[in-house]
Amino acid sequence: MALALSIFGVAFAAFCVWLTVRIVNRKERWAKWTLAAAVAVPALYILSFGPTCWVSSRLQPSGKAVSAIYSPIVWIMWEQRPSLMQRVLFEYVELGVPRGHILDPNTGIEFH
């Protein structure tokens, strides 16, 4: 999983650089919109993780749908060594989860 995420990250960065060069050199409008979408879609994916967990904790405490849709983020939360990213994700999820619910690391995202 780490190798796949690394390869995807490098390819994404190269694509964004290529689009930036197209914008600067040729001032192409389609490149501006494509770069905006390429940056906005991943940002919205990450930002929607917290609210999805909050809703799931109330409607589907097993968290199976969240674990399936957000598997790269869940992988970062549970499989990596402790880091700032992990702490930020945990705080973000726990921000809207009802009191008394805790995250279960054994099953991905599961609320008890």
N, C-alpha and C. Protein backbone atom coordinates (compact mmCIF):
# COMPACT_ATOMS: atom_id res chain seq x y z
N MET A 1 0.83 -1.19 0.00
CA MET A 1 0.00 0.00 0.00
C MET A 1 0.87 1.25 0.00
N ALA A 2 1.96 1.22 0.77
CA ALA A 2 2.84 2.39 0.84
C ALA A 2 3.48 2.67 -0.51
N LEU A 3 3.87 1.63 -1.22
CA LEU A 3 4.48 1.81 -2.54
C LEU A 3 3.48 2.39 -3.52
N ALA A 4 2.26 1.90 -3.49
CA ALA A 4 1.22 2.41 -4.40
C ALA A 4 0.92 3.87 -4.11
N LEU A 5 0.82 4.24 -2.84
CA LEU A 5 0.57 5.64 -2.50
C LEU A 5 1.74 6.53 -2.89
N SER A 6 2.95 6.03 -2.75
CA SER A 6 4.13 6.81 -3.15
C SER A 6 4.15 7.04 -4.66
N ILE A 7 3.89 5.99 -5.42
CA ILE A 7 3.86 6.12 -6.88
C ILE A 7 2.77 7.08 -7.31
N PHE A 8 1.60 6.95 -6.71
CA PHE A 8 0.50 7.86 -7.05
C PHE A 8 0.84 9.30 -6.70
N GLY A 9 1.48 9.51 -5.56
CA GLY A 9 1.86 10.85 -5.15
C GLY A 9 2.85 11.50 -6.10
N VAL A 10 3.84 10.74 -6.54
CA VAL A 10 4.83 11.27 -7.49
C VAL A 10 4.17 11.57 -8.83
N ALA A 11 3.31 10.68 -9.30
CA ALA A 11 2.62 10.91 -10.57
C ALA A 11 1.70 12.13 -10.48
N PHE A 12 1.02 12.29 -9.37
CA PHE A 12 0.14 13.43 -9.18
C PHE A 12 0.93 14.74 -9.16
N ALA A 13 2.06 14.75 -8.48
CA ALA A 13 2.91 15.95 -8.43
C ALA A 13 3.44 16.29 -9.81
N ALA A 14 3.85 15.29 -10.57
CA ALA A 14 4.34 15.53 -11.93
C ALA A 14 3.24 16.09 -12.81
N PHE A 15 2.04 15.57 -12.67
CA PHE A 15 0.90 16.06 -13.44
C PHE A 15 0.60 17.52 -13.10
N CYS A 16 0.65 17.87 -11.83
CA CYS A 16 0.39 19.26 -11.42
C CYS A 16 1.48 20.19 -11.93
N VAL A 17 2.73 19.76 -11.91
CA VAL A 17 3.82 20.58 -12.46
C VAL A 17 3.62 20.78 -13.96
N TRP A 18 3.27 19.72 -14.67
CA TRP A 18 3.04 19.82 -16.11
C TRP A 18 1.91 20.82 -16.40
N LEU A 19 0.83 20.74 -15.64
CA LEU A 19 -0.27 21.69 -15.83
C LEU A 19 0.16 23.12 -15.53
N THR A 20 0.96 23.30 -14.49
CA THR A 20 1.44 24.63 -14.15
C THR A 20 2.29 25.22 -15.28
N VAL A 21 3.13 24.40 -15.87
CA VAL A 21 3.94 24.86 -17.01
C VAL A 21 3.04 25.25 -18.17
N ARG A 22 1.99 24.46 -18.43
CA ARG A 22 1.04 24.81 -19.51
C ARG A 22 0.36 26.15 -19.22
N ILE A 23 0.02 26.38 -17.97
CA ILE A 23 -0.66 27.63 -17.61
C ILE A 23 0.30 28.82 -17.79
N VAL A 24 1.52 28.68 -17.29
CA VAL A 24 2.48 29.79 -17.35
C VAL A 24 2.94 30.07 -18.78
N ASN A 25 3.27 29.04 -19.52
CA ASN A 25 3.83 29.24 -20.86
C ASN A 25 2.78 29.56 -21.91
N ARG A 26 1.65 28.90 -21.87
CA ARG A 26 0.67 29.05 -22.94
C ARG A 26 -0.63 29.72 -22.51
N LYS A 27 -0.79 29.92 -21.21
CA LYS A 27 -1.98 30.57 -20.66
C LYS A 27 -3.28 29.91 -21.13
N GLU A 28 -3.28 28.61 -21.08
CA GLU A 28 -4.44 27.83 -21.53
C GLU A 28 -5.48 27.75 -20.42
N ARG A 29 -6.70 28.09 -20.77
CA ARG A 29 -7.77 28.11 -19.79
C ARG A 29 -8.12 26.72 -19.30
N TRP A 30 -8.11 25.71 -20.19
CA TRP A 30 -8.45 24.35 -19.78
C TRP A 30 -7.46 23.83 -18.74
N ALA A 31 -6.21 24.26 -18.84
CA ALA A 31 -5.20 23.82 -17.87
C ALA A 31 -5.47 24.41 -16.49
N LYS A 32 -5.96 25.64 -16.44
CA LYS A 32 -6.30 26.25 -15.16
C LYS A 32 -7.43 25.50 -14.48
N TRP A 33 -8.46 25.16 -15.23
CA TRP A 33 -9.60 24.44 -14.66
C TRP A 33 -9.21 23.02 -14.26
N THR A 34 -8.37 22.40 -15.05
CA THR A 34 -7.93 21.04 -14.72
C THR A 34 -7.08 21.03 -13.46
N LEU A 35 -6.19 22.01 -13.33
CA LEU A 35 -5.36 22.10 -12.12
C LEU A 35 -6.22 22.39 -10.90
N ALA A 36 -7.21 23.26 -11.06
CA ALA A 36 -8.11 23.55 -9.93
C ALA A 36 -8.86 22.29 -9.49
N ALA A 37 -9.34 21.53 -10.46
CA ALA A 37 -10.05 20.29 -10.13
C ALA A 37 -9.11 19.25 -9.53
N ALA A 38 -7.89 19.17 -10.06
CA ALA A 38 -6.92 18.19 -9.56
C ALA A 38 -6.51 18.47 -8.12
N VAL A 39 -6.56 19.72 -7.71
CA VAL A 39 -6.23 20.07 -6.33
C VAL A 39 -7.47 19.99 -5.44
N ALA A 40 -8.63 20.39 -5.96
CA ALA A 40 -9.85 20.45 -5.15
C ALA A 40 -10.42 19.07 -4.83
N VAL A 41 -10.39 18.15 -5.77
CA VAL A 41 -11.00 16.83 -5.53
C VAL A 41 -10.30 16.08 -4.39
N PRO A 42 -8.97 15.96 -4.37
CA PRO A 42 -8.35 15.30 -3.22
C PRO A 42 -8.57 16.04 -1.90
N ALA A 43 -8.58 17.37 -1.97
CA ALA A 43 -8.82 18.14 -0.75
C ALA A 43 -10.22 17.88 -0.20
N LEU A 44 -11.21 17.84 -1.08
CA LEU A 44 -12.58 17.54 -0.64
C LEU A 44 -12.71 16.12 -0.11
N TYR A 45 -11.98 15.18 -0.71
CA TYR A 45 -11.98 13.79 -0.24
C TYR A 45 -11.48 13.72 1.21
N ILE A 46 -10.38 14.39 1.48
CA ILE A 46 -9.82 14.37 2.83
C ILE A 46 -10.71 15.12 3.81
N LEU A 47 -11.22 16.27 3.39
CA LEU A 47 -12.08 17.06 4.29
C LEU A 47 -13.41 16.37 4.58
N SER A 48 -13.89 15.53 3.66
CA SER A 48 -15.17 14.86 3.89
C SER A 48 -15.04 13.65 4.81
N PHE A 49 -13.81 13.25 5.14
CA PHE A 49 -13.60 12.09 6.00
C PHE A 49 -14.20 12.28 7.39
N GLY A 50 -13.96 13.42 8.00
CA GLY A 50 -14.49 13.68 9.34
C GLY A 50 -16.01 13.65 9.40
N PRO A 51 -16.70 14.46 8.57
CA PRO A 51 -18.17 14.42 8.60
C PRO A 51 -18.75 13.05 8.28
N THR A 52 -18.09 12.30 7.41
CA THR A 52 -18.57 10.95 7.11
C THR A 52 -18.46 10.06 8.34
N CYS A 53 -17.38 10.18 9.07
CA CYS A 53 -17.23 9.41 10.31
C CYS A 53 -18.27 9.82 11.34
N TRP A 54 -18.56 11.12 11.41
CA TRP A 54 -19.53 11.61 12.38
C TRP A 54 -20.91 11.04 12.09
N VAL A 55 -21.30 11.05 10.84
CA VAL A 55 -22.61 10.50 10.45
C VAL A 55 -22.62 8.99 10.65
N SER A 56 -21.54 8.33 10.27
CA SER A 56 -21.46 6.88 10.41
C SER A 56 -21.52 6.44 11.87
N SER A 57 -20.94 7.22 12.76
CA SER A 57 -20.96 6.85 14.18
C SER A 57 -22.38 6.84 14.73
N ARG A 58 -23.26 7.59 14.11
CA ARG A 58 -24.65 7.63 14.56
C ARG A 58 -25.53 6.63 13.81
N LEU A 59 -25.28 6.43 12.52
CA LEU A 59 -26.16 5.60 11.70
C LEU A 59 -25.65 4.19 11.48
N GLN A 60 -24.34 4.02 11.36
CA GLN A 60 -23.76 2.71 11.10
C GLN A 60 -22.50 2.54 11.95
N PRO A 61 -22.67 2.19 13.22
CA PRO A 61 -21.51 2.12 14.12
C PRO A 61 -20.44 1.12 13.70
N SER A 62 -20.75 0.18 12.81
CA SER A 62 -19.72 -0.76 12.39
C SER A 62 -18.65 -0.07 11.56
N GLY A 63 -18.99 1.00 10.86
CA GLY A 63 -18.03 1.76 10.09
C GLY A 63 -17.49 1.06 8.87
N LYS A 64 -18.15 0.01 8.40
CA LYS A 64 -17.65 -0.75 7.25
C LYS A 64 -17.63 0.09 5.98
N ALA A 65 -18.63 0.92 5.77
CA ALA A 65 -18.67 1.75 4.55
C ALA A 65 -17.55 2.79 4.60
N VAL A 66 -17.34 3.38 5.75
CA VAL A 66 -16.28 4.38 5.89
C VAL A 66 -14.92 3.73 5.65
N SER A 67 -14.71 2.56 6.23
CA SER A 67 -13.44 1.87 6.05
C SER A 67 -13.20 1.49 4.60
N ALA A 68 -14.26 1.19 3.86
CA ALA A 68 -14.09 0.81 2.46
C ALA A 68 -13.83 2.02 1.58
N ILE A 69 -14.58 3.09 1.77
CA ILE A 69 -14.46 4.27 0.91
C ILE A 69 -13.18 5.03 1.21
N TYR A 70 -12.81 5.13 2.46
CA TYR A 70 -11.66 5.92 2.87
C TYR A 70 -10.49 5.04 3.29
N SER A 71 -10.27 3.92 2.61
CA SER A 71 -9.22 2.99 3.02
C SER A 71 -7.82 3.59 3.04
N PRO A 72 -7.42 4.50 2.13
CA PRO A 72 -6.08 5.08 2.27
C PRO A 72 -5.93 5.92 3.55
N ILE A 73 -6.97 6.65 3.92
CA ILE A 73 -6.90 7.46 5.14
C ILE A 73 -6.92 6.57 6.37
N VAL A 74 -7.76 5.53 6.34
CA VAL A 74 -7.81 4.59 7.46
C VAL A 74 -6.46 3.89 7.61
N TRP A 75 -5.84 3.55 6.49
CA TRP A 75 -4.52 2.92 6.55
C TRP A 75 -3.51 3.84 7.22
N ILE A 76 -3.54 5.11 6.88
CA ILE A 76 -2.64 6.08 7.51
C ILE A 76 -2.91 6.16 9.01
N MET A 77 -4.19 6.12 9.39
CA MET A 77 -4.53 6.24 10.81
C MET A 77 -4.05 5.05 11.62
N TRP A 78 -4.11 3.83 11.07
CA TRP A 78 -3.84 2.65 11.88
C TRP A 78 -2.50 1.98 11.61
N GLU A 79 -1.95 2.09 10.42
CA GLU A 79 -0.78 1.29 10.08
C GLU A 79 0.55 2.02 10.22
N GLN A 80 0.57 3.31 10.16
CA GLN A 80 1.83 4.05 10.23
C GLN A 80 2.29 4.21 11.67
N ARG A 81 3.56 4.47 11.82
CA ARG A 81 4.08 4.76 13.16
C ARG A 81 3.47 6.09 13.61
N PRO A 82 3.38 6.33 14.91
CA PRO A 82 2.75 7.57 15.38
C PRO A 82 3.36 8.81 14.74
N SER A 83 2.49 9.67 14.27
CA SER A 83 2.96 10.88 13.60
C SER A 83 1.95 12.01 13.83
N LEU A 84 2.34 13.18 13.40
CA LEU A 84 1.46 14.34 13.50
C LEU A 84 0.21 14.12 12.65
N MET A 85 0.37 13.53 11.46
CA MET A 85 -0.77 13.27 10.58
C MET A 85 -1.79 12.37 11.27
N GLN A 86 -1.32 11.35 11.95
CA GLN A 86 -2.20 10.45 12.67
C GLN A 86 -2.96 11.19 13.76
N ARG A 87 -2.26 11.99 14.52
CA ARG A 87 -2.90 12.73 15.61
C ARG A 87 -3.96 13.68 15.07
N VAL A 88 -3.65 14.37 13.97
CA VAL A 88 -4.61 15.30 13.37
C VAL A 88 -5.85 14.56 12.90
N LEU A 89 -5.67 13.41 12.25
CA LEU A 89 -6.82 12.64 11.78
C LEU A 89 -7.69 12.15 12.94
N PHE A 90 -7.06 11.65 14.00
CA PHE A 90 -7.82 11.20 15.16
C PHE A 90 -8.61 12.34 15.79
N GLU A 91 -7.97 13.48 15.95
CA GLU A 91 -8.66 14.63 16.53
C GLU A 91 -9.83 15.07 15.64
N TYR A 92 -9.63 15.04 14.34
CA TYR A 92 -10.66 15.45 13.39
C TYR A 92 -11.87 14.51 13.47
N VAL A 93 -11.61 13.21 13.56
CA VAL A 93 -12.70 12.24 13.65
C VAL A 93 -13.42 12.37 14.98
N GLU A 94 -12.68 12.50 16.06
CA GLU A 94 -13.28 12.56 17.39
C GLU A 94 -13.98 13.88 17.67
N LEU A 95 -13.79 14.87 16.82
CA LEU A 95 -14.42 16.17 16.99
C LEU A 95 -15.95 16.07 16.97
N GLY A 96 -16.50 15.26 16.07
CA GLY A 96 -17.95 15.19 15.93
C GLY A 96 -18.58 13.88 16.34
N VAL A 97 -17.78 12.95 16.86
CA VAL A 97 -18.31 11.66 17.29
C VAL A 97 -18.99 11.85 18.65
N PRO A 98 -20.16 11.23 18.88
CA PRO A 98 -20.83 11.39 20.17
C PRO A 98 -19.96 10.92 21.33
N ARG A 99 -20.21 11.51 22.49
CA ARG A 99 -19.46 11.11 23.69
C ARG A 99 -19.71 9.63 23.97
N GLY A 100 -18.66 8.96 24.41
CA GLY A 100 -18.77 7.55 24.73
C GLY A 100 -18.40 6.64 23.58
N HIS A 101 -18.33 7.16 22.37
CA HIS A 101 -17.92 6.35 21.23
C HIS A 101 -16.40 6.44 21.10
N ILE A 102 -15.78 5.30 20.87
CA ILE A 102 -14.34 5.28 20.67
C ILE A 102 -14.04 4.55 19.37
N LEU A 103 -12.89 4.85 18.79
CA LEU A 103 -12.46 4.19 17.57
C LEU A 103 -11.83 2.86 17.92
N ASP A 104 -12.13 1.84 17.12
CA ASP A 104 -11.59 0.51 17.35
C ASP A 104 -10.53 0.21 16.29
N PRO A 105 -9.25 0.11 16.67
CA PRO A 105 -8.20 -0.12 15.69
C PRO A 105 -8.21 -1.51 15.08
N ASN A 106 -8.90 -2.48 15.68
CA ASN A 106 -8.89 -3.83 15.18
C ASN A 106 -9.74 -4.01 13.94
N THR A 107 -10.74 -3.19 13.76
CA THR A 107 -11.66 -3.37 12.63
C THR A 107 -11.69 -2.19 11.69
N GLY A 108 -10.69 -1.34 11.70
CA GLY A 108 -10.70 -0.17 10.85
C GLY A 108 -11.39 0.96 11.59
N ILE A 109 -12.46 1.45 11.03
CA ILE A 109 -13.23 2.51 11.71
C ILE A 109 -14.48 1.85 12.25
N GLU A 110 -14.51 1.63 13.53
CA GLU A 110 -15.70 1.08 14.18
C GLU A 110 -15.89 1.86 15.47
N PHE A 111 -17.12 2.22 15.73
CA PHE A 111 -17.43 3.03 16.91
C PHE A 111 -18.14 2.16 17.94
N HIS A 112 -17.70 2.26 19.19
CA HIS A 112 -18.32 1.48 20.27
C HIS A 112 -18.88 2.44 21.29
